[in-house]
Amino acid sequence: MTMATLHPSDVPYLLSQPWCGTVPHHGLHYQTLPLLLEMLNDHGHTSSQRRALFALSAMVRAFPAGQTALWKSGALSHLRGLCENKTASSKLCVKAVTLLYDLIMEEDSTLKA
């Protein structure tokens, strides 16, 4: 599979592979963040949303450049929309809020160090 044929549904699978040790760097380089955010808005497919949120989390945890790109991309409104959606899984909303909490705590611990 080449990057030219990359489909948004392929992104979570690629980002979760153990051979991809530099996932965050590759994710930012290949502009996967907008694809993942687009998948979060796919309200008809909970499994795609779950995988996109997992991949998004893997891209930004303990990676300041990824977190900066996440905030600049307007991810907060996407995550809020995920929780406001009446058909979305409550587990998905909890995962989104947990990601936000973890990122805030990570930023807080970085500032205190």
PDB file of N, CA and C in Angstrom:
ATOM      1  N   MET A   1       0.849  -1.168   0.000  1.00  0.00           N
ATOM      2  CA  MET A   1       0.000   0.000   0.000  1.00  0.00           C
ATOM      3  C   MET A   1       0.896   1.234   0.000  1.00  0.00           C
ATOM      4  N   THR A   2       0.688   2.107  -0.919  1.00  0.00           N
ATOM      5  CA  THR A   2       1.455   3.350  -0.986  1.00  0.00           C
ATOM      6  C   THR A   2       0.635   4.459  -0.341  1.00  0.00           C
ATOM      7  N   MET A   3       1.293   5.549  -0.040  1.00  0.00           N
ATOM      8  CA  MET A   3       0.582   6.662   0.580  1.00  0.00           C
ATOM      9  C   MET A   3      -0.436   7.251  -0.391  1.00  0.00           C
ATOM     10  N   ALA A   4      -0.223   7.073  -1.690  1.00  0.00           N
ATOM     11  CA  ALA A   4      -1.179   7.593  -2.665  1.00  0.00           C
ATOM     12  C   ALA A   4      -2.500   6.843  -2.597  1.00  0.00           C
ATOM     13  N   THR A   5      -2.458   5.583  -2.156  1.00  0.00           N
ATOM     14  CA  THR A   5      -3.684   4.790  -2.083  1.00  0.00           C
ATOM     15  C   THR A   5      -4.194   4.653  -0.657  1.00  0.00           C
ATOM     16  N   LEU A   6      -3.652   5.430   0.249  1.00  0.00           N
ATOM     17  CA  LEU A   6      -4.067   5.360   1.642  1.00  0.00           C
ATOM     18  C   LEU A   6      -5.496   5.844   1.796  1.00  0.00           C
ATOM     19  N   HIS A   7      -6.299   5.019   2.390  1.00  0.00           N
ATOM     20  CA  HIS A   7      -7.694   5.355   2.665  1.00  0.00           C
ATOM     21  C   HIS A   7      -7.796   5.688   4.151  1.00  0.00           C
ATOM     22  N   PRO A   8      -8.674   6.614   4.537  1.00  0.00           N
ATOM     23  CA  PRO A   8      -8.781   6.975   5.949  1.00  0.00           C
ATOM     24  C   PRO A   8      -8.983   5.782   6.879  1.00  0.00           C
ATOM     25  N   SER A   9      -9.666   4.744   6.415  1.00  0.00           N
ATOM     26  CA  SER A   9      -9.897   3.590   7.286  1.00  0.00           C
ATOM     27  C   SER A   9      -8.628   2.776   7.509  1.00  0.00           C
ATOM     28  N   ASP A  10      -7.586   2.983   6.698  1.00  0.00           N
ATOM     29  CA  ASP A  10      -6.324   2.276   6.868  1.00  0.00           C
ATOM     30  C   ASP A  10      -5.451   2.894   7.952  1.00  0.00           C
ATOM     31  N   VAL A  11      -5.667   4.150   8.262  1.00  0.00           N
ATOM     32  CA  VAL A  11      -4.789   4.889   9.166  1.00  0.00           C
ATOM     33  C   VAL A  11      -4.708   4.259  10.556  1.00  0.00           C
ATOM     34  N   PRO A  12      -5.830   3.964  11.230  1.00  0.00           N
ATOM     35  CA  PRO A  12      -5.703   3.378  12.568  1.00  0.00           C
ATOM     36  C   PRO A  12      -4.917   2.068  12.572  1.00  0.00           C
ATOM     37  N   TYR A  13      -5.128   1.243  11.545  1.00  0.00           N
ATOM     38  CA  TYR A  13      -4.395  -0.021  11.465  1.00  0.00           C
ATOM     39  C   TYR A  13      -2.899   0.241  11.342  1.00  0.00           C
ATOM     40  N   LEU A  14      -2.528   1.146  10.464  1.00  0.00           N
ATOM     41  CA  LEU A  14      -1.113   1.432  10.253  1.00  0.00           C
ATOM     42  C   LEU A  14      -0.461   2.005  11.504  1.00  0.00           C
ATOM     43  N   LEU A  15      -1.169   2.879  12.191  1.00  0.00           N
ATOM     44  CA  LEU A  15      -0.597   3.521  13.366  1.00  0.00           C
ATOM     45  C   LEU A  15      -0.490   2.586  14.559  1.00  0.00           C
ATOM     46  N   SER A  16      -1.212   1.487  14.542  1.00  0.00           N
ATOM     47  CA  SER A  16      -1.181   0.571  15.678  1.00  0.00           C
ATOM     48  C   SER A  16      -0.167  -0.548  15.506  1.00  0.00           C
ATOM     49  N   GLN A  17       0.544  -0.582  14.398  1.00  0.00           N
ATOM     50  CA  GLN A  17       1.484  -1.665  14.145  1.00  0.00           C
ATOM     51  C   GLN A  17       2.759  -1.502  14.973  1.00  0.00           C
ATOM     52  N   PRO A  18       3.248  -2.605  15.571  1.00  0.00           N
ATOM     53  CA  PRO A  18       4.439  -2.514  16.421  1.00  0.00           C
ATOM     54  C   PRO A  18       5.702  -2.131  15.654  1.00  0.00           C
ATOM     55  N   TRP A  19       5.760  -2.414  14.362  1.00  0.00           N
ATOM     56  CA  TRP A  19       6.938  -2.071  13.573  1.00  0.00           C
ATOM     57  C   TRP A  19       7.037  -0.582  13.308  1.00  0.00           C
ATOM     58  N   CYS A  20       6.007   0.135  13.635  1.00  0.00           N
ATOM     59  CA  CYS A  20       5.996   1.566  13.343  1.00  0.00           C
ATOM     60  C   CYS A  20       6.438   2.334  14.585  1.00  0.00           C
ATOM     61  N   GLY A  21       7.734   2.246  14.911  1.00  0.00           N
ATOM     62  CA  GLY A  21       8.262   2.849  16.136  1.00  0.00           C
ATOM     63  C   GLY A  21       8.231   4.358  16.160  1.00  0.00           C
ATOM     64  N   THR A  22       8.173   4.973  15.004  1.00  0.00           N
ATOM     65  CA  THR A  22       8.142   6.432  14.958  1.00  0.00           C
ATOM     66  C   THR A  22       6.772   6.901  14.479  1.00  0.00           C
ATOM     67  N   VAL A  23       5.762   6.288  15.024  1.00  0.00           N
ATOM     68  CA  VAL A  23       4.383   6.571  14.617  1.00  0.00           C
ATOM     69  C   VAL A  23       4.041   8.052  14.647  1.00  0.00           C
ATOM     70  N   PRO A  24       4.287   8.752  15.739  1.00  0.00           N
ATOM     71  CA  PRO A  24       3.881  10.162  15.758  1.00  0.00           C
ATOM     72  C   PRO A  24       4.548  10.985  14.664  1.00  0.00           C
ATOM     73  N   HIS A  25       5.829  10.757  14.435  1.00  0.00           N
ATOM     74  CA  HIS A  25       6.528  11.521  13.411  1.00  0.00           C
ATOM     75  C   HIS A  25       5.966  11.230  12.025  1.00  0.00           C
ATOM     76  N   HIS A  26       5.749   9.955  11.728  1.00  0.00           N
ATOM     77  CA  HIS A  26       5.181   9.588  10.430  1.00  0.00           C
ATOM     78  C   HIS A  26       3.749  10.102  10.298  1.00  0.00           C
ATOM     79  N   GLY A  27       3.006  10.023  11.379  1.00  0.00           N
ATOM     80  CA  GLY A  27       1.626  10.497  11.355  1.00  0.00           C
ATOM     81  C   GLY A  27       1.528  11.969  11.003  1.00  0.00           C
ATOM     82  N   LEU A  28       2.413  12.765  11.575  1.00  0.00           N
ATOM     83  CA  LEU A  28       2.406  14.195  11.256  1.00  0.00           C
ATOM     84  C   LEU A  28       2.925  14.445   9.847  1.00  0.00           C
ATOM     85  N   HIS A  29       3.951  13.698   9.470  1.00  0.00           N
ATOM     86  CA  HIS A  29       4.531  13.890   8.142  1.00  0.00           C
ATOM     87  C   HIS A  29       3.536  13.585   7.025  1.00  0.00           C
ATOM     88  N   TYR A  30       2.754  12.540   7.198  1.00  0.00           N
ATOM     89  CA  TYR A  30       1.807  12.143   6.153  1.00  0.00           C
ATOM     90  C   TYR A  30       0.414  12.745   6.334  1.00  0.00           C
ATOM     91  N   GLN A  31       0.304  13.713   7.217  1.00  0.00           N
ATOM     92  CA  GLN A  31      -0.955  14.436   7.420  1.00  0.00           C
ATOM     93  C   GLN A  31      -2.121  13.506   7.764  1.00  0.00           C
ATOM     94  N   THR A  32      -1.900  12.573   8.667  1.00  0.00           N
ATOM     95  CA  THR A  32      -2.973  11.659   9.048  1.00  0.00           C
ATOM     96  C   THR A  32      -3.925  12.275  10.070  1.00  0.00           C
ATOM     97  N   LEU A  33      -3.479  13.318  10.747  1.00  0.00           N
ATOM     98  CA  LEU A  33      -4.330  13.946  11.754  1.00  0.00           C
ATOM     99  C   LEU A  33      -5.678  14.395  11.184  1.00  0.00           C
ATOM    100  N   PRO A  34      -5.712  15.100  10.048  1.00  0.00           N
ATOM    101  CA  PRO A  34      -7.010  15.480   9.486  1.00  0.00           C
ATOM    102  C   PRO A  34      -7.878  14.272   9.109  1.00  0.00           C
ATOM    103  N   LEU A  35      -7.244  13.196   8.655  1.00  0.00           N
ATOM    104  CA  LEU A  35      -8.006  11.983   8.319  1.00  0.00           C
ATOM    105  C   LEU A  35      -8.645  11.376   9.560  1.00  0.00           C
ATOM    106  N   LEU A  36      -7.881  11.346  10.646  1.00  0.00           N
ATOM    107  CA  LEU A  36      -8.415  10.787  11.890  1.00  0.00           C
ATOM    108  C   LEU A  36      -9.558  11.648  12.430  1.00  0.00           C
ATOM    109  N   LEU A  37      -9.396  12.951  12.356  1.00  0.00           N
ATOM    110  CA  LEU A  37     -10.470  13.837  12.818  1.00  0.00           C
ATOM    111  C   LEU A  37     -11.716  13.683  11.951  1.00  0.00           C
ATOM    112  N   GLU A  38     -11.516  13.481  10.668  1.00  0.00           N
ATOM    113  CA  GLU A  38     -12.644  13.229   9.762  1.00  0.00           C
ATOM    114  C   GLU A  38     -13.361  11.935  10.143  1.00  0.00           C
ATOM    115  N   MET A  39     -12.583  10.935  10.523  1.00  0.00           N
ATOM    116  CA  MET A  39     -13.183   9.659  10.926  1.00  0.00           C
ATOM    117  C   MET A  39     -13.975   9.801  12.222  1.00  0.00           C
ATOM    118  N   LEU A  40     -13.558  10.705  13.105  1.00  0.00           N
ATOM    119  CA  LEU A  40     -14.310  10.934  14.344  1.00  0.00           C
ATOM    120  C   LEU A  40     -15.707  11.470  14.039  1.00  0.00           C
ATOM    121  N   ASN A  41     -15.841  12.184  12.938  1.00  0.00           N
ATOM    122  CA  ASN A  41     -17.128  12.758  12.557  1.00  0.00           C
ATOM    123  C   ASN A  41     -18.011  11.789  11.788  1.00  0.00           C
ATOM    124  N   ASP A  42     -17.524  10.580  11.544  1.00  0.00           N
ATOM    125  CA  ASP A  42     -18.288   9.574  10.813  1.00  0.00           C
ATOM    126  C   ASP A  42     -19.266   8.914  11.788  1.00  0.00           C
ATOM    127  N   HIS A  43     -20.394   9.580  12.017  1.00  0.00           N
ATOM    128  CA  HIS A  43     -21.318   9.171  13.073  1.00  0.00           C
ATOM    129  C   HIS A  43     -22.011   7.843  12.827  1.00  0.00           C
ATOM    130  N   GLY A  44     -21.945   7.310  11.632  1.00  0.00           N
ATOM    131  CA  GLY A  44     -22.611   6.047  11.353  1.00  0.00           C
ATOM    132  C   GLY A  44     -21.784   4.822  11.676  1.00  0.00           C
ATOM    133  N   HIS A  45     -20.486   5.021  11.964  1.00  0.00           N
ATOM    134  CA  HIS A  45     -19.597   3.881  12.158  1.00  0.00           C
ATOM    135  C   HIS A  45     -18.834   4.012  13.474  1.00  0.00           C
ATOM    136  N   THR A  46     -19.392   3.458  14.527  1.00  0.00           N
ATOM    137  CA  THR A  46     -18.780   3.561  15.848  1.00  0.00           C
ATOM    138  C   THR A  46     -17.416   2.887  15.890  1.00  0.00           C
ATOM    139  N   SER A  47     -17.259   1.763  15.185  1.00  0.00           N
ATOM    140  CA  SER A  47     -15.965   1.074  15.227  1.00  0.00           C
ATOM    141  C   SER A  47     -14.879   1.926  14.566  1.00  0.00           C
ATOM    142  N   SER A  48     -15.213   2.628  13.500  1.00  0.00           N
ATOM    143  CA  SER A  48     -14.244   3.522  12.863  1.00  0.00           C
ATOM    144  C   SER A  48     -13.891   4.677  13.785  1.00  0.00           C
ATOM    145  N   GLN A  49     -14.884   5.197  14.475  1.00  0.00           N
ATOM    146  CA  GLN A  49     -14.635   6.293  15.408  1.00  0.00           C
ATOM    147  C   GLN A  49     -13.730   5.821  16.547  1.00  0.00           C
ATOM    148  N   ARG A  50     -13.987   4.629  17.051  1.00  0.00           N
ATOM    149  CA  ARG A  50     -13.189   4.079  18.149  1.00  0.00           C
ATOM    150  C   ARG A  50     -11.734   3.903  17.710  1.00  0.00           C
ATOM    151  N   ARG A  51     -11.545   3.361  16.516  1.00  0.00           N
ATOM    152  CA  ARG A  51     -10.187   3.156  16.000  1.00  0.00           C
ATOM    153  C   ARG A  51      -9.484   4.487  15.738  1.00  0.00           C
ATOM    154  N   ALA A  52     -10.215   5.442  15.221  1.00  0.00           N
ATOM    155  CA  ALA A  52      -9.626   6.761  14.964  1.00  0.00           C
ATOM    156  C   ALA A  52      -9.198   7.425  16.264  1.00  0.00           C
ATOM    157  N   LEU A  53     -10.014   7.304  17.297  1.00  0.00           N
ATOM    158  CA  LEU A  53      -9.678   7.893  18.592  1.00  0.00           C
ATOM    159  C   LEU A  53      -8.454   7.204  19.193  1.00  0.00           C
ATOM    160  N   PHE A  54      -8.372   5.888  19.034  1.00  0.00           N
ATOM    161  CA  PHE A  54      -7.217   5.139  19.514  1.00  0.00           C
ATOM    162  C   PHE A  54      -5.946   5.605  18.795  1.00  0.00           C
ATOM    163  N   ALA A  55      -6.020   5.722  17.479  1.00  0.00           N
ATOM    164  CA  ALA A  55      -4.861   6.145  16.694  1.00  0.00           C
ATOM    165  C   ALA A  55      -4.475   7.584  17.027  1.00  0.00           C
ATOM    166  N   LEU A  56      -5.470   8.430  17.198  1.00  0.00           N
ATOM    167  CA  LEU A  56      -5.220   9.822  17.561  1.00  0.00           C
ATOM    168  C   LEU A  56      -4.494   9.892  18.905  1.00  0.00           C
ATOM    169  N   SER A  57      -4.945   9.096  19.837  1.00  0.00           N
ATOM    170  CA  SER A  57      -4.324   9.039  21.152  1.00  0.00           C
ATOM    171  C   SER A  57      -2.870   8.575  21.047  1.00  0.00           C
ATOM    172  N   ALA A  58      -2.628   7.573  20.227  1.00  0.00           N
ATOM    173  CA  ALA A  58      -1.264   7.065  20.045  1.00  0.00           C
ATOM    174  C   ALA A  58      -0.362   8.121  19.416  1.00  0.00           C
ATOM    175  N   MET A  59      -0.930   8.960  18.576  1.00  0.00           N
ATOM    176  CA  MET A  59      -0.141   9.990  17.899  1.00  0.00           C
ATOM    177  C   MET A  59       0.266  11.143  18.807  1.00  0.00           C
ATOM    178  N   VAL A  60      -0.490  11.403  19.843  1.00  0.00           N
ATOM    179  CA  VAL A  60      -0.236  12.625  20.615  1.00  0.00           C
ATOM    180  C   VAL A  60       0.286  12.398  22.024  1.00  0.00           C
ATOM    181  N   ARG A  61       0.120  11.222  22.564  1.00  0.00           N
ATOM    182  CA  ARG A  61       0.587  10.996  23.935  1.00  0.00           C
ATOM    183  C   ARG A  61       2.113  11.057  23.989  1.00  0.00           C
ATOM    184  N   ALA A  62       2.627  11.838  24.924  1.00  0.00           N
ATOM    185  CA  ALA A  62       4.063  12.011  25.139  1.00  0.00           C
ATOM    186  C   ALA A  62       4.778  12.504  23.879  1.00  0.00           C
ATOM    187  N   PHE A  63       4.086  13.279  23.072  1.00  0.00           N
ATOM    188  CA  PHE A  63       4.669  13.820  21.840  1.00  0.00           C
ATOM    189  C   PHE A  63       4.186  15.256  21.676  1.00  0.00           C
ATOM    190  N   PRO A  64       4.940  16.225  22.199  1.00  0.00           N
ATOM    191  CA  PRO A  64       4.510  17.627  22.178  1.00  0.00           C
ATOM    192  C   PRO A  64       4.191  18.171  20.788  1.00  0.00           C
ATOM    193  N   ALA A  65       4.953  17.783  19.776  1.00  0.00           N
ATOM    194  CA  ALA A  65       4.670  18.279  18.424  1.00  0.00           C
ATOM    195  C   ALA A  65       3.312  17.779  17.945  1.00  0.00           C
ATOM    196  N   GLY A  66       2.985  16.546  18.294  1.00  0.00           N
ATOM    197  CA  GLY A  66       1.680  15.995  17.937  1.00  0.00           C
ATOM    198  C   GLY A  66       0.553  16.701  18.671  1.00  0.00           C
ATOM    199  N   GLN A  67       0.793  17.029  19.927  1.00  0.00           N
ATOM    200  CA  GLN A  67      -0.217  17.733  20.706  1.00  0.00           C
ATOM    201  C   GLN A  67      -0.455  19.130  20.154  1.00  0.00           C
ATOM    202  N   THR A  68       0.614  19.801  19.765  1.00  0.00           N
ATOM    203  CA  THR A  68       0.470  21.131  19.164  1.00  0.00           C
ATOM    204  C   THR A  68      -0.342  21.052  17.884  1.00  0.00           C
ATOM    205  N   ALA A  69      -0.016  20.067  17.048  1.00  0.00           N
ATOM    206  CA  ALA A  69      -0.756  19.888  15.795  1.00  0.00           C
ATOM    207  C   ALA A  69      -2.214  19.549  16.072  1.00  0.00           C
ATOM    208  N   LEU A  70      -2.453  18.775  17.111  1.00  0.00           N
ATOM    209  CA  LEU A  70      -3.825  18.400  17.487  1.00  0.00           C
ATOM    210  C   LEU A  70      -4.638  19.636  17.834  1.00  0.00           C
ATOM    211  N   TRP A  71      -4.095  20.504  18.672  1.00  0.00           N
ATOM    212  CA  TRP A  71      -4.837  21.703  19.088  1.00  0.00           C
ATOM    213  C   TRP A  71      -5.021  22.667  17.929  1.00  0.00           C
ATOM    214  N   LYS A  72      -3.993  22.801  17.071  1.00  0.00           N
ATOM    215  CA  LYS A  72      -4.095  23.709  15.936  1.00  0.00           C
ATOM    216  C   LYS A  72      -5.113  23.231  14.905  1.00  0.00           C
ATOM    217  N   SER A  73      -5.356  21.946  14.882  1.00  0.00           N
ATOM    218  CA  SER A  73      -6.290  21.390  13.895  1.00  0.00           C
ATOM    219  C   SER A  73      -7.746  21.521  14.326  1.00  0.00           C
ATOM    220  N   GLY A  74      -7.968  22.042  15.506  1.00  0.00           N
ATOM    221  CA  GLY A  74      -9.338  22.199  15.986  1.00  0.00           C
ATOM    222  C   GLY A  74      -9.934  20.913  16.531  1.00  0.00           C
ATOM    223  N   ALA A  75      -9.083  20.057  17.051  1.00  0.00           N
ATOM    224  CA  ALA A  75      -9.536  18.754  17.532  1.00  0.00           C
ATOM    225  C   ALA A  75     -10.523  18.856  18.688  1.00  0.00           C
ATOM    226  N   LEU A  76     -10.422  19.912  19.452  1.00  0.00           N
ATOM    227  CA  LEU A  76     -11.328  20.054  20.596  1.00  0.00           C
ATOM    228  C   LEU A  76     -12.781  20.078  20.144  1.00  0.00           C
ATOM    229  N   SER A  77     -13.063  20.768  19.062  1.00  0.00           N
ATOM    230  CA  SER A  77     -14.444  20.808  18.565  1.00  0.00           C
ATOM    231  C   SER A  77     -14.869  19.449  18.016  1.00  0.00           C
ATOM    232  N   HIS A  78     -13.938  18.703  17.434  1.00  0.00           N
ATOM    233  CA  HIS A  78     -14.263  17.359  16.944  1.00  0.00           C
ATOM    234  C   HIS A  78     -14.583  16.422  18.104  1.00  0.00           C
ATOM    235  N   LEU A  79     -13.781  16.510  19.151  1.00  0.00           N
ATOM    236  CA  LEU A  79     -14.020  15.654  20.322  1.00  0.00           C
ATOM    237  C   LEU A  79     -15.315  16.041  21.026  1.00  0.00           C
ATOM    238  N   ARG A  80     -15.586  17.335  21.095  1.00  0.00           N
ATOM    239  CA  ARG A  80     -16.840  17.789  21.691  1.00  0.00           C
ATOM    240  C   ARG A  80     -18.025  17.290  20.870  1.00  0.00           C
ATOM    241  N   GLY A  81     -17.903  17.396  19.553  1.00  0.00           N
ATOM    242  CA  GLY A  81     -18.967  16.904  18.671  1.00  0.00           C
ATOM    243  C   GLY A  81     -19.212  15.420  18.830  1.00  0.00           C
ATOM    244  N   LEU A  82     -18.141  14.682  19.090  1.00  0.00           N
ATOM    245  CA  LEU A  82     -18.273  13.247  19.317  1.00  0.00           C
ATOM    246  C   LEU A  82     -19.126  12.975  20.555  1.00  0.00           C
ATOM    247  N   CYS A  83     -18.925  13.767  21.595  1.00  0.00           N
ATOM    248  CA  CYS A  83     -19.695  13.577  22.832  1.00  0.00           C
ATOM    249  C   CYS A  83     -21.111  14.129  22.723  1.00  0.00           C
ATOM    250  N   GLU A  84     -21.315  15.139  21.904  1.00  0.00           N
ATOM    251  CA  GLU A  84     -22.647  15.727  21.754  1.00  0.00           C
ATOM    252  C   GLU A  84     -23.548  14.916  20.836  1.00  0.00           C
ATOM    253  N   ASN A  85     -22.964  14.055  20.042  1.00  0.00           N
ATOM    254  CA  ASN A  85     -23.727  13.241  19.105  1.00  0.00           C
ATOM    255  C   ASN A  85     -24.610  12.251  19.870  1.00  0.00           C
ATOM    256  N   LYS A  86     -25.891  12.285  19.596  1.00  0.00           N
ATOM    257  CA  LYS A  86     -26.849  11.433  20.313  1.00  0.00           C
ATOM    258  C   LYS A  86     -26.664   9.947  20.005  1.00  0.00           C
ATOM    259  N   THR A  87     -26.165   9.635  18.809  1.00  0.00           N
ATOM    260  CA  THR A  87     -26.011   8.226  18.443  1.00  0.00           C
ATOM    261  C   THR A  87     -24.655   7.657  18.817  1.00  0.00           C
ATOM    262  N   ALA A  88     -23.745   8.491  19.301  1.00  0.00           N
ATOM    263  CA  ALA A  88     -22.403   8.021  19.659  1.00  0.00           C
ATOM    264  C   ALA A  88     -22.457   7.185  20.932  1.00  0.00           C
ATOM    265  N   SER A  89     -21.549   6.285  21.024  1.00  0.00           N
ATOM    266  CA  SER A  89     -21.424   5.435  22.196  1.00  0.00           C
ATOM    267  C   SER A  89     -20.949   6.262  23.385  1.00  0.00           C
ATOM    268  N   SER A  90     -21.520   5.997  24.555  1.00  0.00           N
ATOM    269  CA  SER A  90     -21.073   6.718  25.749  1.00  0.00           C
ATOM    270  C   SER A  90     -19.632   6.328  26.087  1.00  0.00           C
ATOM    271  N   LYS A  91     -19.236   5.098  25.762  1.00  0.00           N
ATOM    272  CA  LYS A  91     -17.857   4.674  25.990  1.00  0.00           C
ATOM    273  C   LYS A  91     -16.892   5.506  25.158  1.00  0.00           C
ATOM    274  N   LEU A  92     -17.312   5.838  23.960  1.00  0.00           N
ATOM    275  CA  LEU A  92     -16.484   6.647  23.069  1.00  0.00           C
ATOM    276  C   LEU A  92     -16.294   8.043  23.654  1.00  0.00           C
ATOM    277  N   CYS A  93     -17.346   8.596  24.206  1.00  0.00           N
ATOM    278  CA  CYS A  93     -17.259   9.913  24.830  1.00  0.00           C
ATOM    279  C   CYS A  93     -16.328   9.863  26.045  1.00  0.00           C
ATOM    280  N   VAL A  94     -16.433   8.808  26.827  1.00  0.00           N
ATOM    281  CA  VAL A  94     -15.554   8.665  27.992  1.00  0.00           C
ATOM    282  C   VAL A  94     -14.098   8.579  27.550  1.00  0.00           C
ATOM    283  N   LYS A  95     -13.840   7.857  26.475  1.00  0.00           N
ATOM    284  CA  LYS A  95     -12.469   7.748  25.957  1.00  0.00           C
ATOM    285  C   LYS A  95     -11.956   9.117  25.487  1.00  0.00           C
ATOM    286  N   ALA A  96     -12.807   9.889  24.850  1.00  0.00           N
ATOM    287  CA  ALA A  96     -12.414  11.220  24.381  1.00  0.00           C
ATOM    288  C   ALA A  96     -12.099  12.135  25.561  1.00  0.00           C
ATOM    289  N   VAL A  97     -12.940  12.109  26.571  1.00  0.00           N
ATOM    290  CA  VAL A  97     -12.723  12.944  27.754  1.00  0.00           C
ATOM    291  C   VAL A  97     -11.465  12.485  28.500  1.00  0.00           C
ATOM    292  N   THR A  98     -11.248  11.187  28.556  1.00  0.00           N
ATOM    293  CA  THR A  98     -10.042  10.658  29.202  1.00  0.00           C
ATOM    294  C   THR A  98      -8.792  11.117  28.471  1.00  0.00           C
ATOM    295  N   LEU A  99      -8.824  11.097  27.142  1.00  0.00           N
ATOM    296  CA  LEU A  99      -7.691  11.585  26.362  1.00  0.00           C
ATOM    297  C   LEU A  99      -7.425  13.051  26.691  1.00  0.00           C
ATOM    298  N   LEU A 100      -8.465  13.860  26.713  1.00  0.00           N
ATOM    299  CA  LEU A 100      -8.295  15.281  27.034  1.00  0.00           C
ATOM    300  C   LEU A 100      -7.710  15.463  28.435  1.00  0.00           C
ATOM    301  N   TYR A 101      -8.237  14.723  29.385  1.00  0.00           N
ATOM    302  CA  TYR A 101      -7.743  14.802  30.768  1.00  0.00           C
ATOM    303  C   TYR A 101      -6.263  14.421  30.830  1.00  0.00           C
ATOM    304  N   ASP A 102      -5.912  13.310  30.181  1.00  0.00           N
ATOM    305  CA  ASP A 102      -4.523  12.859  30.196  1.00  0.00           C
ATOM    306  C   ASP A 102      -3.584  13.886  29.562  1.00  0.00           C
ATOM    307  N   LEU A 103      -4.029  14.515  28.480  1.00  0.00           N
ATOM    308  CA  LEU A 103      -3.197  15.531  27.833  1.00  0.00           C
ATOM    309  C   LEU A 103      -3.023  16.755  28.725  1.00  0.00           C
ATOM    310  N   ILE A 104      -4.075  17.130  29.424  1.00  0.00           N
ATOM    311  CA  ILE A 104      -3.987  18.265  30.353  1.00  0.00           C
ATOM    312  C   ILE A 104      -3.031  17.935  31.497  1.00  0.00           C
ATOM    313  N   MET A 105      -3.147  16.734  32.044  1.00  0.00           N
ATOM    314  CA  MET A 105      -2.276  16.329  33.137  1.00  0.00           C
ATOM    315  C   MET A 105      -0.816  16.231  32.666  1.00  0.00           C
ATOM    316  N   GLU A 106      -0.614  15.746  31.457  1.00  0.00           N
ATOM    317  CA  GLU A 106       0.736  15.659  30.901  1.00  0.00           C
ATOM    318  C   GLU A 106       1.338  17.052  30.742  1.00  0.00           C
ATOM    319  N   GLU A 107       0.538  17.971  30.243  1.00  0.00           N
ATOM    320  CA  GLU A 107       1.004  19.358  30.082  1.00  0.00           C
ATOM    321  C   GLU A 107       1.309  19.973  31.442  1.00  0.00           C
ATOM    322  N   ASP A 108       0.458  19.704  32.425  1.00  0.00           N
ATOM    323  CA  ASP A 108       0.650  20.239  33.761  1.00  0.00           C
ATOM    324  C   ASP A 108       1.933  19.714  34.383  1.00  0.00           C
ATOM    325  N   SER A 109       2.201  18.425  34.237  1.00  0.00           N
ATOM    326  CA  SER A 109       3.416  17.856  34.816  1.00  0.00           C
ATOM    327  C   SER A 109       4.658  18.364  34.091  1.00  0.00           C
ATOM    328  N   THR A 110       4.549  18.650  32.812  1.00  0.00           N
ATOM    329  CA  THR A 110       5.661  19.206  32.054  1.00  0.00           C
ATOM    330  C   THR A 110       5.980  20.613  32.534  1.00  0.00           C
ATOM    331  N   LEU A 111       4.939  21.392  32.804  1.00  0.00           N
ATOM    332  CA  LEU A 111       5.154  22.765  33.265  1.00  0.00           C
ATOM    333  C   LEU A 111       5.767  22.801  34.662  1.00  0.00           C
ATOM    334  N   LYS A 112       5.413  21.829  35.511  1.00  0.00           N
ATOM    335  CA  LYS A 112       5.928  21.810  36.876  1.00  0.00           C
ATOM    336  C   LYS A 112       7.377  21.323  36.944  1.00  0.00           C
ATOM    337  N   ALA A 113       7.793  20.581  35.935  1.00  0.00           N
ATOM    338  CA  ALA A 113       9.172  20.006  35.956  1.00  0.00           C
ATOM    339  C   ALA A 113      10.231  21.026  35.671  1.00  0.00           C
TER     340      ALA A 113
END
